[in-house]
Amino acid sequence: MDAKWKKPSSKLVETFEHIFPKAPGVERRKMFGYPCAFANGVWFMGCFGENDIVLKLSGADRKDFLALEGAAQFTPMPGRPMKEMVMVPASMMKDEAQLRLWVGRSLAYAMSLPPKPGRKK
């Protein structure tokens, strides 16, 4: 992935903000300079590169998601895939209903996991 350390485009940040779930226990944070979403301390959604959004999904949801055209395993560095993370296909970035559906599944999965302890300041 050649876009791994490029700043997110303003369009990507706008899309992220638009689909960000407003729910108890959900917060925005930056990770490696990218806007991300955490539920009870668990990272479940974030921007990556100029135009991509990544989601954390359960095994069953991940299998279904990866069957979608253009979907891919999130691999931030060559040879280092993140098992539970997937990259949203470009076609889904234009389909708000589909994108919100999968963001909801990602949030539900994160909320089902044990909370992560708070960050140390």
C-alpha atoms as a PDB file:
ATOM      1  CA  MET A   1       0.000   0.000   0.000  1.00  0.00           C
ATOM      2  CA  ASP A   2       1.676   3.134  -1.147  1.00  0.00           C
ATOM      3  CA  ALA A   3      -0.778   5.443   0.688  1.00  0.00           C
ATOM      4  CA  LYS A   4       0.085   4.280   4.178  1.00  0.00           C
ATOM      5  CA  TRP A   5       1.518   7.503   5.545  1.00  0.00           C
ATOM      6  CA  LYS A   6      -0.248  10.081   3.398  1.00  0.00           C
ATOM      7  CA  LYS A   7      -2.547  12.550   5.096  1.00  0.00           C
ATOM      8  CA  PRO A   8      -6.254  11.731   4.841  1.00  0.00           C
ATOM      9  CA  SER A   9      -8.078  13.799   2.242  1.00  0.00           C
ATOM     10  CA  SER A  10     -10.611  16.334   3.448  1.00  0.00           C
ATOM     11  CA  LYS A  11     -13.304  14.219   1.728  1.00  0.00           C
ATOM     12  CA  LEU A  12     -12.240  11.145   3.736  1.00  0.00           C
ATOM     13  CA  VAL A  13     -12.301  13.077   7.023  1.00  0.00           C
ATOM     14  CA  GLU A  14     -15.729  14.476   6.094  1.00  0.00           C
ATOM     15  CA  THR A  15     -17.028  10.961   5.353  1.00  0.00           C
ATOM     16  CA  PHE A  16     -15.556   9.649   8.623  1.00  0.00           C
ATOM     17  CA  GLU A  17     -17.229  12.427  10.610  1.00  0.00           C
ATOM     18  CA  HIS A  18     -20.519  11.868   8.809  1.00  0.00           C
ATOM     19  CA  ILE A  19     -20.655   8.122   9.570  1.00  0.00           C
ATOM     20  CA  PHE A  20     -19.099   8.343  13.051  1.00  0.00           C
ATOM     21  CA  PRO A  21     -21.556   6.562  15.396  1.00  0.00           C
ATOM     22  CA  LYS A  22     -22.859   8.757  18.171  1.00  0.00           C
ATOM     23  CA  ALA A  23     -23.297   6.189  20.926  1.00  0.00           C
ATOM     24  CA  PRO A  24     -22.348   5.872  24.601  1.00  0.00           C
ATOM     25  CA  GLY A  25     -18.795   4.656  25.040  1.00  0.00           C
ATOM     26  CA  VAL A  26     -17.711   5.750  21.536  1.00  0.00           C
ATOM     27  CA  GLU A  27     -14.961   8.330  21.198  1.00  0.00           C
ATOM     28  CA  ARG A  28     -12.770   9.896  18.523  1.00  0.00           C
ATOM     29  CA  ARG A  29      -9.004   9.633  18.788  1.00  0.00           C
ATOM     30  CA  LYS A  30      -6.117   9.940  16.385  1.00  0.00           C
ATOM     31  CA  MET A  31      -3.882   6.988  15.725  1.00  0.00           C
ATOM     32  CA  PHE A  32      -0.734   7.579  13.661  1.00  0.00           C
ATOM     33  CA  GLY A  33      -2.272  10.932  12.718  1.00  0.00           C
ATOM     34  CA  TYR A  34      -5.476   9.413  11.341  1.00  0.00           C
ATOM     35  CA  PRO A  35      -8.978   9.951  12.762  1.00  0.00           C
ATOM     36  CA  CYS A  36     -10.187   6.760  14.449  1.00  0.00           C
ATOM     37  CA  ALA A  37     -13.149   5.583  16.501  1.00  0.00           C
ATOM     38  CA  PHE A  38     -12.973   3.578  19.710  1.00  0.00           C
ATOM     39  CA  ALA A  39     -15.746   1.841  21.660  1.00  0.00           C
ATOM     40  CA  ASN A  40     -14.942   1.206  25.319  1.00  0.00           C
ATOM     41  CA  GLY A  41     -11.277   1.628  24.400  1.00  0.00           C
ATOM     42  CA  VAL A  42     -11.389  -0.848  21.469  1.00  0.00           C
ATOM     43  CA  TRP A  43     -10.379   0.519  18.054  1.00  0.00           C
ATOM     44  CA  PHE A  44     -13.133  -0.384  15.573  1.00  0.00           C
ATOM     45  CA  MET A  45     -12.983   2.154  12.720  1.00  0.00           C
ATOM     46  CA  GLY A  46     -10.431   4.499  11.274  1.00  0.00           C
ATOM     47  CA  CYS A  47      -9.071   6.382   8.323  1.00  0.00           C
ATOM     48  CA  PHE A  48      -5.972   5.171   6.540  1.00  0.00           C
ATOM     49  CA  GLY A  49      -4.037   6.875   3.788  1.00  0.00           C
ATOM     50  CA  GLU A  50      -5.741   9.465   1.643  1.00  0.00           C
ATOM     51  CA  ASN A  51      -8.999   7.664   0.860  1.00  0.00           C
ATOM     52  CA  ASP A  52      -9.528   4.514   2.916  1.00  0.00           C
ATOM     53  CA  ILE A  53     -11.560   3.508   5.940  1.00  0.00           C
ATOM     54  CA  VAL A  54     -10.799   0.357   7.888  1.00  0.00           C
ATOM     55  CA  LEU A  55     -13.194  -1.587  10.118  1.00  0.00           C
ATOM     56  CA  LYS A  56     -12.756  -4.244  12.801  1.00  0.00           C
ATOM     57  CA  LEU A  57     -15.154  -7.162  12.224  1.00  0.00           C
ATOM     58  CA  SER A  58     -15.995 -10.466  13.862  1.00  0.00           C
ATOM     59  CA  GLY A  59     -14.916 -13.651  12.080  1.00  0.00           C
ATOM     60  CA  ALA A  60     -18.333 -14.280  10.501  1.00  0.00           C
ATOM     61  CA  ASP A  61     -18.809 -10.644   9.443  1.00  0.00           C
ATOM     62  CA  ARG A  62     -15.254 -10.482   8.132  1.00  0.00           C
ATOM     63  CA  LYS A  63     -15.853 -13.545   5.954  1.00  0.00           C
ATOM     64  CA  ASP A  64     -19.018 -11.957   4.490  1.00  0.00           C
ATOM     65  CA  PHE A  65     -17.318  -8.590   4.046  1.00  0.00           C
ATOM     66  CA  LEU A  66     -14.271 -10.002   2.270  1.00  0.00           C
ATOM     67  CA  ALA A  67     -16.611 -11.681  -0.230  1.00  0.00           C
ATOM     68  CA  LEU A  68     -17.711  -8.198  -1.387  1.00  0.00           C
ATOM     69  CA  GLU A  69     -16.133  -6.903  -4.581  1.00  0.00           C
ATOM     70  CA  GLY A  70     -13.137  -4.697  -3.796  1.00  0.00           C
ATOM     71  CA  ALA A  71     -12.974  -5.551  -0.086  1.00  0.00           C
ATOM     72  CA  ALA A  72      -9.582  -6.512   1.307  1.00  0.00           C
ATOM     73  CA  GLN A  73      -7.769  -7.476   4.479  1.00  0.00           C
ATOM     74  CA  PHE A  74      -6.123  -4.431   6.079  1.00  0.00           C
ATOM     75  CA  THR A  75      -2.367  -4.728   5.660  1.00  0.00           C
ATOM     76  CA  PRO A  76      -0.749  -1.494   6.878  1.00  0.00           C
ATOM     77  CA  MET A  77       2.750  -2.787   6.102  1.00  0.00           C
ATOM     78  CA  PRO A  78       3.693  -5.419   3.519  1.00  0.00           C
ATOM     79  CA  GLY A  79       3.423  -8.895   5.014  1.00  0.00           C
ATOM     80  CA  ARG A  80       1.758  -7.602   8.214  1.00  0.00           C
ATOM     81  CA  PRO A  81      -2.024  -8.048   7.862  1.00  0.00           C
ATOM     82  CA  MET A  82      -4.202  -7.095  10.817  1.00  0.00           C
ATOM     83  CA  LYS A  83      -6.382 -10.178  11.304  1.00  0.00           C
ATOM     84  CA  GLU A  84      -9.656  -8.552  12.356  1.00  0.00           C
ATOM     85  CA  MET A  85      -9.373  -5.418  10.209  1.00  0.00           C
ATOM     86  CA  VAL A  86     -10.698  -4.923   6.677  1.00  0.00           C
ATOM     87  CA  MET A  87     -10.519  -2.114   4.137  1.00  0.00           C
ATOM     88  CA  VAL A  88     -13.771  -0.659   2.875  1.00  0.00           C
ATOM     89  CA  PRO A  89     -14.020  -0.952  -0.937  1.00  0.00           C
ATOM     90  CA  ALA A  90     -14.151   2.315  -2.873  1.00  0.00           C
ATOM     91  CA  SER A  91     -17.659   1.492  -4.149  1.00  0.00           C
ATOM     92  CA  MET A  92     -18.983   1.306  -0.585  1.00  0.00           C
ATOM     93  CA  MET A  93     -17.556   4.733   0.244  1.00  0.00           C
ATOM     94  CA  LYS A  94     -20.232   6.113  -2.099  1.00  0.00           C
ATOM     95  CA  ASP A  95     -23.064   4.032  -0.599  1.00  0.00           C
ATOM     96  CA  GLU A  96     -23.905   5.586   2.765  1.00  0.00           C
ATOM     97  CA  ALA A  97     -26.503   2.967   3.705  1.00  0.00           C
ATOM     98  CA  GLN A  98     -24.083   0.070   3.123  1.00  0.00           C
ATOM     99  CA  LEU A  99     -21.237   1.898   4.839  1.00  0.00           C
ATOM    100  CA  ARG A 100     -23.378   2.649   7.902  1.00  0.00           C
ATOM    101  CA  LEU A 101     -24.515  -0.996   8.027  1.00  0.00           C
ATOM    102  CA  TRP A 102     -20.929  -2.231   8.216  1.00  0.00           C
ATOM    103  CA  VAL A 103     -19.856   0.510  10.629  1.00  0.00           C
ATOM    104  CA  GLY A 104     -22.736  -0.648  12.849  1.00  0.00           C
ATOM    105  CA  ARG A 105     -21.518  -4.241  12.682  1.00  0.00           C
ATOM    106  CA  SER A 106     -18.002  -3.081  13.508  1.00  0.00           C
ATOM    107  CA  LEU A 107     -19.269  -1.085  16.486  1.00  0.00           C
ATOM    108  CA  ALA A 108     -21.379  -4.014  17.719  1.00  0.00           C
ATOM    109  CA  TYR A 109     -18.353  -6.299  17.547  1.00  0.00           C
ATOM    110  CA  ALA A 110     -16.161  -3.826  19.430  1.00  0.00           C
ATOM    111  CA  MET A 111     -18.843  -3.401  22.105  1.00  0.00           C
ATOM    112  CA  SER A 112     -18.966  -7.199  22.539  1.00  0.00           C
ATOM    113  CA  LEU A 113     -15.264  -7.309  23.417  1.00  0.00           C
ATOM    114  CA  PRO A 114     -13.868  -6.675  26.894  1.00  0.00           C
ATOM    115  CA  PRO A 115     -13.185  -2.955  27.473  1.00  0.00           C
ATOM    116  CA  LYS A 116      -9.563  -1.888  27.119  1.00  0.00           C
ATOM    117  CA  PRO A 117      -8.064  -0.085  30.075  1.00  0.00           C
ATOM    118  CA  GLY A 118      -7.804   3.693  29.813  1.00  0.00           C
ATOM    119  CA  ARG A 119      -4.824   5.309  28.182  1.00  0.00           C
ATOM    120  CA  LYS A 120      -1.976   6.481  30.383  1.00  0.00           C
ATOM    121  CA  LYS A 121      -1.260  10.172  30.094  1.00  0.00           C
END
